[in-house]
């Protein structure tokens, strides 16, 4: 599997597409007006402690106060280490100054989520200055390999080391020199953070994580990366300098794209972004998926559509579900859907088929860099899974609620609006003395009142004893109307 990374830069926005075997798998977008803050470290001020929720709100200088749960408090930032069983009101107090790190972006109406357990990510290691243990990424499953990596790192660290480390998957192919360079880099960053924290006022930023292109070089580039194409000369030069210092293997893969066509157009990424906005996703076989995203969870419905090439109905359903499992895993990454995800595969009669589809889904999501968990089929035949959510989904980032339907995805029919208008006319006529009532509504609604509903409107006019005139407003949406008293 070959991987290509495309970086499109404009003054307002930076977009990164991660492609595997020529197919877009992930999209990352960072705007100058709303730069991502996960990984940033702040000196905050506790503004409210909620014993009933075992949580607190902390002001860090953002528009909304950030959320800190008791489970994410490692130290009480006094002389004593906090007891995890202590109630939060005994650990924090209102007005207290506290060093915190963002672990989840503000999403919708919710503020950022915080932790007091500081972690600094390098290319091969994650430094945990407040801990002392050596951990290994859960993605490295072989126990022998995990132990070898742990012993190898311990041998490189000084005996009087301060802080702990998590060994990332990329360290499997790293040399001792690269690991030592990463350790040195992380120690320097931590020293700078400590110095900055002593001088920083409350509600201020102490440490800003790397920009999106640099984070991609640090976290995504691996042995399968063949090209990293950047369409900005300035960003290309910055990434070259950064890679020379910290990601040496990426230097030879960096390319300044100077093609006549825009980078994302040339690789059809723009079309993929449009498809990722759609509720319906077509499968090659003729089947399709329907995605519905709500505040609490995302539901995915699998349908056979026009696919009828199986040996029989059972075979058709099985093949559609298998294809859907792989498409679904890709769409979760592409759309950056997180939280609880409910999947309604087409009902299968054979347990062996259900087991195969479940295993294919687990295999497909295993390459996801976000932590995922897949449960088995429920008694209702649904699959429940979770995907770690640290930032807004692609739809929430690029779209807003429709002003016409208010997010329902449906609007009232013209006939329904006509009847609402008639009821409103009756109310107005009883409350106010007017010579005439004028209905102002959309072209379609007015057309219906002049045609099919004309008799009903005439009867209403006779009943209230006042003339009713009509005016079509081109700018009105179908549900909008007004009754003017003349």
Protein backbone atom coordinates (compact mmCIF):
# COMPACT_ATOMS: atom_id res chain seq x y z
CA UNK A 1 0.00 0.00 0.00
CA UNK A 2 1.50 3.33 -1.12
CA UNK A 3 0.66 6.57 0.61
CA UNK A 4 0.65 10.07 -0.86
CA UNK A 5 0.14 13.28 1.10
CA UNK A 6 -1.24 16.36 -0.65
CA UNK A 7 -0.97 19.76 1.07
CA UNK A 8 -2.99 22.66 -0.34
CA UNK A 9 -2.18 26.05 1.22
CA UNK A 10 -3.97 29.40 0.89
CA UNK A 11 -3.73 32.44 3.19
CA UNK A 12 -7.09 31.56 4.72
CA UNK A 13 -6.97 27.77 4.87
CA UNK A 14 -4.64 24.77 4.83
CA UNK A 15 -6.01 21.43 3.63
CA UNK A 16 -4.29 18.05 3.74
CA UNK A 17 -5.47 14.93 1.91
CA UNK A 18 -3.98 11.55 2.79
CA UNK A 19 -4.27 9.11 -0.09
CA UNK A 20 -3.67 5.37 -0.09
CA UNK A 21 -3.32 3.60 -3.44
CA UNK A 22 -4.72 6.70 -5.16
CA UNK A 23 -7.88 6.91 -3.01
CA UNK A 24 -8.51 9.71 -0.50
CA UNK A 25 -8.69 8.27 3.01
CA UNK A 26 -8.44 11.31 5.28
CA UNK A 27 -9.01 15.05 5.03
CA UNK A 28 -7.63 17.59 7.48
CA UNK A 29 -8.58 21.26 7.34
CA UNK A 30 -7.17 24.11 9.40
CA UNK A 31 -8.35 27.70 8.94
CA UNK A 32 -6.48 30.80 9.99
CA UNK A 33 -9.65 32.02 11.74
CA UNK A 34 -9.99 28.80 13.79
CA UNK A 35 -6.65 27.04 14.23
CA UNK A 36 -6.85 23.67 15.99
CA UNK A 37 -5.97 23.75 19.69
CA UNK A 38 -5.61 20.05 20.64
CA UNK A 39 -2.22 19.65 22.30
CA UNK A 40 -1.99 23.32 23.30
CA UNK A 41 -1.05 24.07 26.91
CA UNK A 42 -2.58 27.00 28.82
CA UNK A 43 -2.44 28.65 32.19
CA UNK A 44 -6.11 28.63 33.08
CA UNK A 45 -8.28 29.92 35.87
CA UNK A 46 -10.94 27.74 37.49
CA UNK A 47 -14.20 29.66 37.15
CA UNK A 48 -16.64 27.06 38.43
CA UNK A 49 -16.49 23.74 40.32
CA UNK A 50 -19.45 21.35 39.97
CA UNK A 51 -19.37 18.66 42.72
CA UNK A 52 -22.51 17.01 41.34
CA UNK A 53 -20.80 16.36 37.99
CA UNK A 54 -17.31 15.91 39.48
CA UNK A 55 -16.03 18.42 36.97
CA UNK A 56 -14.96 22.04 36.66
CA UNK A 57 -14.99 24.80 34.06
CA UNK A 58 -11.72 26.53 33.36
CA UNK A 59 -11.21 29.81 31.51
CA UNK A 60 -8.22 29.56 29.16
CA UNK A 61 -8.82 32.62 26.99
CA UNK A 62 -11.23 31.07 24.49
CA UNK A 63 -14.79 32.15 23.69
CA UNK A 64 -16.22 29.43 25.95
CA UNK A 65 -14.89 28.04 29.22
CA UNK A 66 -13.26 24.63 28.84
CA UNK A 67 -14.36 21.45 30.63
CA UNK A 68 -12.17 19.53 33.08
CA UNK A 69 -13.40 16.23 34.54
CA UNK A 70 -12.12 14.83 37.82
CA UNK A 71 -10.77 11.76 35.97
CA UNK A 72 -8.46 14.05 33.95
CA UNK A 73 -6.91 15.73 36.99
CA UNK A 74 -3.52 14.27 37.76
CA UNK A 75 -2.17 16.93 40.09
CA UNK A 76 -3.87 19.59 42.17
CA UNK A 77 -0.94 21.93 41.41
CA UNK A 78 -0.13 22.42 45.04
CA UNK A 79 2.47 20.63 47.15
CA UNK A 80 0.42 17.44 47.34
CA UNK A 81 -0.42 14.97 44.60
CA UNK A 82 -4.18 14.66 44.26
CA UNK A 83 -5.84 11.47 45.41
CA UNK A 84 -7.96 10.16 42.51
CA UNK A 85 -10.69 9.22 44.99
CA UNK A 86 -10.88 12.73 46.42
CA UNK A 87 -13.97 14.75 45.45
CA UNK A 88 -13.17 17.48 42.96
CA UNK A 89 -14.17 20.23 45.40
CA UNK A 90 -11.26 19.13 47.61
CA UNK A 91 -8.83 19.28 44.69
CA UNK A 92 -9.87 22.47 42.90
CA UNK A 93 -11.35 25.77 44.05
CA UNK A 94 -12.82 28.67 42.15
CA UNK A 95 -10.24 31.26 41.19
CA UNK A 96 -7.37 28.74 41.30
CA UNK A 97 -4.62 29.03 38.67
CA UNK A 98 -3.92 25.75 36.87
CA UNK A 99 -1.80 24.43 33.98
CA UNK A 100 -3.93 22.43 31.54
CA UNK A 101 -3.68 20.84 28.11
CA UNK A 102 -6.45 20.57 25.50
CA UNK A 103 -7.36 16.97 24.60
CA UNK A 104 -10.53 17.68 22.59
CA UNK A 105 -11.51 20.60 20.37
CA UNK A 106 -14.63 22.66 21.14
CA UNK A 107 -17.45 20.83 19.33
CA UNK A 108 -20.81 22.43 18.55
CA UNK A 109 -21.95 24.18 21.76
CA UNK A 110 -19.46 22.33 23.99
CA UNK A 111 -16.22 23.88 25.11
CA UNK A 112 -12.80 22.26 24.80
CA UNK A 113 -11.97 19.32 27.06
CA UNK A 114 -8.89 19.59 29.26
CA UNK A 115 -6.47 17.48 31.25
CA UNK A 116 -3.78 18.36 33.76
CA UNK A 117 -1.72 15.36 32.62
CA UNK A 118 0.70 17.02 30.21
CA UNK A 119 1.96 15.02 27.22
CA UNK A 120 4.26 16.25 24.45
CA UNK A 121 4.32 14.33 21.20
CA UNK A 122 7.50 13.72 19.23
CA UNK A 123 7.91 11.63 16.10
CA UNK A 124 8.83 8.38 17.87
CA UNK A 125 7.93 9.08 21.51
CA UNK A 126 5.39 10.88 23.65
CA UNK A 127 6.92 12.53 26.73
CA UNK A 128 4.96 12.44 30.01
CA UNK A 129 6.86 14.83 32.32
CA UNK A 130 4.62 14.16 35.35
CA UNK A 131 4.87 10.36 35.19
CA UNK A 132 7.68 7.85 35.43
CA UNK A 133 6.61 4.73 33.53
CA UNK A 134 7.54 3.57 30.03
CA UNK A 135 4.48 2.63 27.97
CA UNK A 136 4.08 1.19 24.48
CA UNK A 137 1.44 2.09 21.89
CA UNK A 138 -1.54 -0.28 21.94
CA UNK A 139 -1.16 -0.67 18.18
CA UNK A 140 1.95 -2.75 18.82
CA UNK A 141 0.25 -5.96 19.91
CA UNK A 142 3.10 -8.50 19.99
CA UNK A 143 4.18 -8.82 23.64
CA UNK A 144 7.74 -9.79 22.77
CA UNK A 145 8.17 -6.78 20.53
CA UNK A 146 6.62 -4.50 23.16
CA UNK A 147 9.09 -5.71 25.77
CA UNK A 148 12.03 -5.32 23.40
CA UNK A 149 11.08 -1.73 22.57
CA UNK A 150 10.60 -0.92 26.25
CA UNK A 151 14.01 -2.35 27.21
CA UNK A 152 15.66 -0.60 24.28
CA UNK A 153 14.35 2.80 25.32
CA UNK A 154 15.26 2.25 28.97
CA UNK A 155 18.85 1.49 27.91
CA UNK A 156 19.04 4.84 26.07
CA UNK A 157 17.65 6.91 28.94
CA UNK A 158 19.82 8.19 31.81
CA UNK A 159 19.30 6.53 35.19
CA UNK A 160 18.28 9.83 36.78
CA UNK A 161 15.67 10.55 34.09
CA UNK A 162 12.64 12.64 34.98
CA UNK A 163 9.32 11.78 33.41
CA UNK A 164 7.95 8.85 31.48
CA UNK A 165 7.48 8.00 27.80
CA UNK A 166 5.06 6.26 25.47
CA UNK A 167 6.71 4.48 22.57
CA UNK A 168 4.88 5.23 19.29
CA UNK A 169 4.48 2.73 16.44
CA UNK A 170 6.96 4.62 14.26
CA UNK A 171 9.74 3.81 16.74
CA UNK A 172 9.75 0.22 15.47
CA UNK A 173 11.99 1.27 12.56
CA UNK A 174 13.83 4.11 14.33
CA UNK A 175 17.57 3.98 14.98
CA UNK A 176 19.09 4.68 18.39
CA UNK A 177 20.33 8.04 17.11
CA UNK A 178 16.80 9.02 16.02
CA UNK A 179 15.34 8.02 19.39
CA UNK A 180 18.00 10.02 21.25
CA UNK A 181 17.33 13.05 19.02
CA UNK A 182 13.61 12.74 19.79
CA UNK A 183 14.32 12.54 23.52
CA UNK A 184 16.51 15.65 23.32
CA UNK A 185 13.83 17.55 21.36
CA UNK A 186 11.08 16.64 23.85
CA UNK A 187 13.25 17.66 26.83
CA UNK A 188 13.93 21.06 25.23
CA UNK A 189 10.24 21.62 24.57
CA UNK A 190 9.37 20.76 28.19
CA UNK A 191 12.03 23.13 29.53
CA UNK A 192 10.61 25.94 27.38
CA UNK A 193 7.10 25.16 28.63
CA UNK A 194 8.26 25.31 32.25
CA UNK A 195 9.97 28.66 31.69
CA UNK A 196 6.93 30.09 29.88
CA UNK A 197 4.50 28.86 32.53
CA UNK A 198 6.29 30.81 35.26
CA UNK A 199 5.80 34.11 33.44
CA UNK A 200 2.45 33.52 31.77
CA UNK A 201 -0.61 35.36 33.11
CA UNK A 202 -3.89 33.56 33.70
CA UNK A 203 -6.05 32.67 30.65
CA UNK A 204 -3.02 32.63 28.34
CA UNK A 205 -1.37 30.21 25.92
CA UNK A 206 1.90 28.66 27.11
CA UNK A 207 2.64 26.16 24.33
CA UNK A 208 1.21 25.90 20.81
CA UNK A 209 1.39 22.55 19.06
CA UNK A 210 2.83 22.36 15.54
CA UNK A 211 0.94 23.66 12.52
CA UNK A 212 -1.16 21.16 10.54
CA UNK A 213 1.45 20.43 7.80
CA UNK A 214 4.18 19.85 10.40
CA UNK A 215 1.92 17.61 12.50
CA UNK A 216 1.22 15.56 9.38
CA UNK A 217 4.97 15.11 8.80
CA UNK A 218 5.46 14.14 12.43
CA UNK A 219 2.49 11.80 12.82
CA UNK A 220 1.56 10.41 9.40
CA UNK A 221 4.68 9.95 7.27
CA UNK A 222 5.84 6.33 7.35
CA UNK A 223 7.64 3.70 5.29
CA UNK A 224 4.83 3.52 2.74
CA UNK A 225 4.86 7.28 2.02
CA UNK A 226 6.01 7.89 -1.56
CA UNK A 227 5.23 11.58 -2.12
CA UNK A 228 4.42 14.68 -0.08
CA UNK A 229 3.25 17.34 -2.53
CA UNK A 230 2.91 20.95 -1.40
CA UNK A 231 1.51 23.70 -3.64
CA UNK A 232 2.99 26.59 -1.62
CA UNK A 233 6.68 27.47 -2.04
CA UNK A 234 6.86 29.08 1.42
CA UNK A 235 5.26 26.09 3.15
CA UNK A 236 7.42 23.70 1.13
CA UNK A 237 10.55 25.47 2.37
CA UNK A 238 9.34 25.45 5.99
CA UNK A 239 8.53 21.74 5.80
CA UNK A 240 11.90 20.98 4.22
CA UNK A 241 13.70 22.74 7.08
CA UNK A 242 11.49 21.03 9.68
CA UNK A 243 11.95 17.60 8.09
CA UNK A 244 15.72 18.09 7.96
CA UNK A 245 15.77 18.54 11.73
CA UNK A 246 13.10 16.11 12.93
CA UNK A 247 11.80 13.85 10.11
CA UNK A 248 14.82 13.09 7.98
CA UNK A 249 13.07 10.29 6.08
CA UNK A 250 10.51 12.77 4.73
CA UNK A 251 13.01 15.14 3.08
CA UNK A 252 13.40 13.11 -0.12
CA UNK A 253 9.63 12.70 -0.48
CA UNK A 254 8.82 16.43 -0.32
CA UNK A 255 7.86 17.90 -3.70
CA UNK A 256 6.86 21.46 -4.58
CA UNK A 257 3.83 21.03 -6.85
CA UNK A 258 3.82 23.58 -9.67
CA UNK A 259 1.25 22.07 -12.04
CA UNK A 260 -1.14 24.23 -14.04
CA UNK A 261 -4.21 22.61 -12.49
CA UNK A 262 -4.87 23.12 -8.75
CA UNK A 263 -3.40 20.27 -6.70
CA UNK A 264 -6.72 19.02 -5.28
CA UNK A 265 -8.39 19.23 -8.71
CA UNK A 266 -5.63 17.19 -10.34
CA UNK A 267 -6.08 14.37 -7.81
CA UNK A 268 -9.91 14.64 -7.74
CA UNK A 269 -9.86 15.54 -4.04
CA UNK A 270 -12.41 18.33 -4.53
CA UNK A 271 -14.93 15.78 -5.84
CA UNK A 272 -14.27 13.55 -2.82
CA UNK A 273 -14.96 16.49 -0.49
CA UNK A 274 -18.30 17.05 -2.24
CA UNK A 275 -19.17 13.35 -1.91
CA UNK A 276 -18.26 13.44 1.78
CA UNK A 277 -20.94 16.10 2.25
CA UNK A 278 -23.61 13.80 0.82
CA UNK A 279 -25.97 11.78 2.98
CA UNK A 280 -25.90 8.93 0.45
CA UNK A 281 -22.75 7.02 -0.56
CA UNK A 282 -22.94 4.77 -3.62
CA UNK A 283 -21.18 1.38 -3.61
CA UNK A 284 -19.54 0.04 -6.78
CA UNK A 285 -21.86 -2.95 -6.78
CA UNK A 286 -24.98 -0.76 -6.91
CA UNK A 287 -25.73 -0.80 -3.19
CA UNK A 288 -25.49 2.30 -1.05
CA UNK A 289 -25.00 3.65 2.48
CA UNK A 290 -27.08 6.32 4.21
CA UNK A 291 -25.36 8.44 6.89
CA UNK A 292 -27.37 10.36 9.48
CA UNK A 293 -25.39 12.42 11.97
CA UNK A 294 -26.99 13.63 15.20
CA UNK A 295 -25.63 15.33 18.31
CA UNK A 296 -25.17 12.07 20.23
CA UNK A 297 -24.43 9.49 17.56
CA UNK A 298 -24.18 8.63 13.86
CA UNK A 299 -26.33 5.98 12.20
CA UNK A 300 -25.38 4.15 9.00
CA UNK A 301 -27.95 2.19 6.99
CA UNK A 302 -26.79 -0.36 4.39
CA UNK A 303 -29.00 -1.09 1.36
CA UNK A 304 -28.64 -3.43 -1.64
CA UNK A 305 -29.96 -0.82 -4.08
CA UNK A 306 -29.67 -2.08 -7.65
CA UNK A 307 -27.16 -4.87 -6.83
CA UNK A 308 -28.67 -8.20 -7.97
CA UNK A 309 -25.65 -10.13 -9.29
CA UNK A 310 -25.34 -12.61 -6.41
CA UNK A 311 -26.17 -16.29 -6.79
CA UNK A 312 -29.24 -15.79 -4.63
CA UNK A 313 -30.70 -13.22 -2.23
CA UNK A 314 -28.53 -14.40 0.66
CA UNK A 315 -25.38 -14.11 -1.46
CA UNK A 316 -26.38 -10.65 -2.72
CA UNK A 317 -26.92 -9.41 0.84
CA UNK A 318 -23.63 -10.93 2.04
CA UNK A 319 -21.57 -9.35 -0.77
CA UNK A 320 -23.23 -5.96 -0.25
CA UNK A 321 -22.47 -6.05 3.48
CA UNK A 322 -18.82 -6.97 2.87
CA UNK A 323 -18.35 -4.09 0.44
CA UNK A 324 -20.20 -1.78 2.82
CA UNK A 325 -17.85 -2.69 5.71
CA UNK A 326 -14.80 -1.45 3.78
CA UNK A 327 -16.57 1.64 2.42
CA UNK A 328 -17.87 2.47 5.89
CA UNK A 329 -14.41 2.36 7.47
CA UNK A 330 -13.09 4.75 4.82
CA UNK A 331 -16.04 7.13 5.19
CA UNK A 332 -15.56 7.33 8.97
CA UNK A 333 -12.00 8.52 8.42
CA UNK A 334 -12.89 10.80 5.49
CA UNK A 335 -15.80 12.47 7.29
CA UNK A 336 -14.03 12.32 10.68
CA UNK A 337 -17.12 10.91 12.35
CA UNK A 338 -16.68 10.18 16.04
CA UNK A 339 -18.53 9.16 19.16
CA UNK A 340 -21.13 6.38 19.04
CA UNK A 341 -21.78 4.86 15.61
CA UNK A 342 -24.70 2.47 14.96
CA UNK A 343 -24.53 0.37 11.77
CA UNK A 344 -27.60 -1.33 10.33
CA UNK A 345 -26.24 -3.96 7.96
CA UNK A 346 -28.76 -5.85 5.83
CA UNK A 347 -30.12 -8.79 7.84
CA UNK A 348 -28.20 -12.03 7.31
CA UNK A 349 -29.62 -15.44 8.22
CA UNK A 350 -26.34 -17.34 8.60
CA UNK A 351 -24.16 -16.78 11.65
CA UNK A 352 -21.02 -17.47 9.60
CA UNK A 353 -21.84 -14.56 7.29
CA UNK A 354 -22.45 -12.23 10.24
CA UNK A 355 -19.11 -13.25 11.77
CA UNK A 356 -17.29 -12.66 8.47
CA UNK A 357 -18.80 -9.18 8.03
CA UNK A 358 -17.91 -8.30 11.63
CA UNK A 359 -14.30 -9.42 11.15
CA UNK A 360 -14.02 -7.49 7.87
CA UNK A 361 -15.26 -4.36 9.60
CA UNK A 362 -12.76 -4.79 12.45
CA UNK A 363 -9.98 -5.33 9.93
CA UNK A 364 -11.01 -2.27 7.90
CA UNK A 365 -11.07 0.09 10.91
CA UNK A 366 -7.81 -1.29 12.34
CA UNK A 367 -5.79 1.05 10.08
CA UNK A 368 -7.60 4.09 11.47
CA UNK A 369 -5.27 6.37 13.45
CA UNK A 370 -8.16 7.35 15.73
CA UNK A 371 -8.97 4.81 18.43
CA UNK A 372 -11.97 2.66 17.49
CA UNK A 373 -13.89 -0.08 19.23
CA UNK A 374 -16.26 -2.48 17.46
CA UNK A 375 -18.81 -4.52 19.40
CA UNK A 376 -20.64 -7.56 18.03
CA UNK A 377 -24.16 -7.69 16.67
CA UNK A 378 -26.91 -6.69 19.07
CA UNK A 379 -30.12 -8.76 19.42
CA UNK A 380 -31.68 -6.34 16.91
CA UNK A 381 -28.99 -7.10 14.34
CA UNK A 382 -27.17 -3.75 14.72
CA UNK A 383 -23.44 -3.21 15.21
CA UNK A 384 -22.37 -0.68 17.82
CA UNK A 385 -18.95 0.90 17.55
CA UNK A 386 -17.11 3.93 18.86
CA UNK A 387 -14.50 6.20 17.32
CA UNK A 388 -12.51 8.71 19.31
CA UNK A 389 -13.63 12.26 18.57
CA UNK A 390 -11.09 15.02 19.11
CA UNK A 391 -12.30 17.60 16.56
CA UNK A 392 -15.34 18.63 14.55
CA UNK A 393 -16.56 16.31 11.80
CA UNK A 394 -16.01 17.42 8.21
CA UNK A 395 -19.70 18.29 7.81
CA UNK A 396 -19.76 20.45 10.95
CA UNK A 397 -16.58 22.20 9.82
CA UNK A 398 -17.67 22.95 6.25
CA UNK A 399 -21.45 23.27 6.60
CA UNK A 400 -24.06 25.02 8.71
CA UNK A 401 -27.70 24.33 9.54
CA UNK A 402 -30.06 25.05 6.67
CA UNK A 403 -31.94 28.31 7.32
CA UNK A 404 -35.00 26.99 5.50
CA UNK A 405 -35.55 23.63 7.20
CA UNK A 406 -33.57 24.34 10.42
CA UNK A 407 -31.66 21.09 10.03
CA UNK A 408 -34.71 18.82 9.68
CA UNK A 409 -33.81 17.88 6.12
CA UNK A 410 -37.45 18.46 5.14
CA UNK A 411 -39.77 21.43 4.58
CA UNK A 412 -43.54 21.73 4.88
CA UNK A 413 -45.48 21.22 1.68
CA UNK A 414 -47.05 24.23 -0.01
CA UNK A 415 -50.47 22.86 0.87
CA UNK A 416 -49.56 22.64 4.57
CA UNK A 417 -48.40 26.28 4.49
CA UNK A 418 -51.67 27.31 2.78
CA UNK A 419 -53.69 25.84 5.65
CA UNK A 420 -51.43 27.53 8.20
CA UNK A 421 -52.03 30.84 6.44
CA UNK A 422 -55.81 30.36 6.57
CA UNK A 423 -55.69 29.60 10.29
CA UNK A 424 -53.53 32.69 10.88
CA UNK A 425 -55.95 34.87 8.87
CA UNK A 426 -58.78 33.70 11.13
CA UNK A 427 -56.78 34.60 14.26
CA UNK A 428 -55.80 38.02 12.92
CA UNK A 429 -59.36 38.85 11.85
CA UNK A 430 -60.69 38.10 15.35
CA UNK A 431 -58.00 40.15 17.14
CA UNK A 432 -57.67 43.22 14.91
CA UNK A 433 -60.05 45.48 13.02
CA UNK A 434 -58.69 45.84 9.49
CA UNK A 435 -60.24 46.76 6.16
CA UNK A 436 -58.25 44.11 4.28
CA UNK A 437 -55.77 41.30 4.97
CA UNK A 438 -52.87 40.80 2.58
CA UNK A 439 -51.05 37.45 2.39
CA UNK A 440 -47.36 37.66 1.50
CA UNK A 441 -45.81 34.27 0.75
CA UNK A 442 -43.61 32.34 -1.66
CA UNK A 443 -44.50 32.04 -5.34
CA UNK A 444 -45.48 28.36 -5.01
CA UNK A 445 -47.77 28.96 -2.04
CA UNK A 446 -49.46 31.96 -3.66
CA UNK A 447 -49.94 29.93 -6.84
CA UNK A 448 -51.67 27.19 -4.84
CA UNK A 449 -53.95 29.76 -3.12
CA UNK A 450 -54.92 31.14 -6.53
CA UNK A 451 -55.59 27.68 -7.96
CA UNK A 452 -56.54 24.59 -5.91
CA UNK A 453 -57.20 26.48 -2.65
CA UNK A 454 -58.96 29.48 -4.20
CA UNK A 455 -62.41 28.29 -3.18
CA UNK A 456 -61.33 27.72 0.42
CA UNK A 457 -59.78 31.20 0.51
CA UNK A 458 -62.98 32.75 -0.91
CA UNK A 459 -65.08 30.99 1.72
CA UNK A 460 -62.74 32.27 4.45
CA UNK A 461 -63.05 35.83 3.09
CA UNK A 462 -66.84 35.61 3.23
CA UNK A 463 -66.70 34.18 6.77
CA UNK A 464 -64.57 36.99 8.22
CA UNK A 465 -66.31 39.63 6.10
CA UNK A 466 -63.08 41.16 4.80
CA UNK A 467 -61.28 40.96 1.46
CA UNK A 468 -58.05 38.92 1.27
CA UNK A 469 -55.39 39.91 -1.26
CA UNK A 470 -52.31 37.92 -2.28
CA UNK A 471 -48.73 38.99 -2.97
CA UNK A 472 -45.93 36.65 -4.13
CA UNK A 473 -42.49 37.40 -2.65
CA UNK A 474 -39.61 35.94 -4.64
CA UNK A 475 -37.24 36.02 -1.67
CA UNK A 476 -39.50 34.04 0.67
CA UNK A 477 -38.73 30.39 1.41
CA UNK A 478 -41.65 27.99 1.07
CA UNK A 479 -42.46 27.96 4.80
CA UNK A 480 -42.23 31.74 5.21
CA UNK A 481 -45.30 33.96 5.08
CA UNK A 482 -46.68 37.16 6.56
CA UNK A 483 -50.17 38.59 7.04
CA UNK A 484 -50.35 42.37 6.55
CA UNK A 485 -53.28 44.31 8.03
CA UNK A 486 -54.47 47.12 5.76
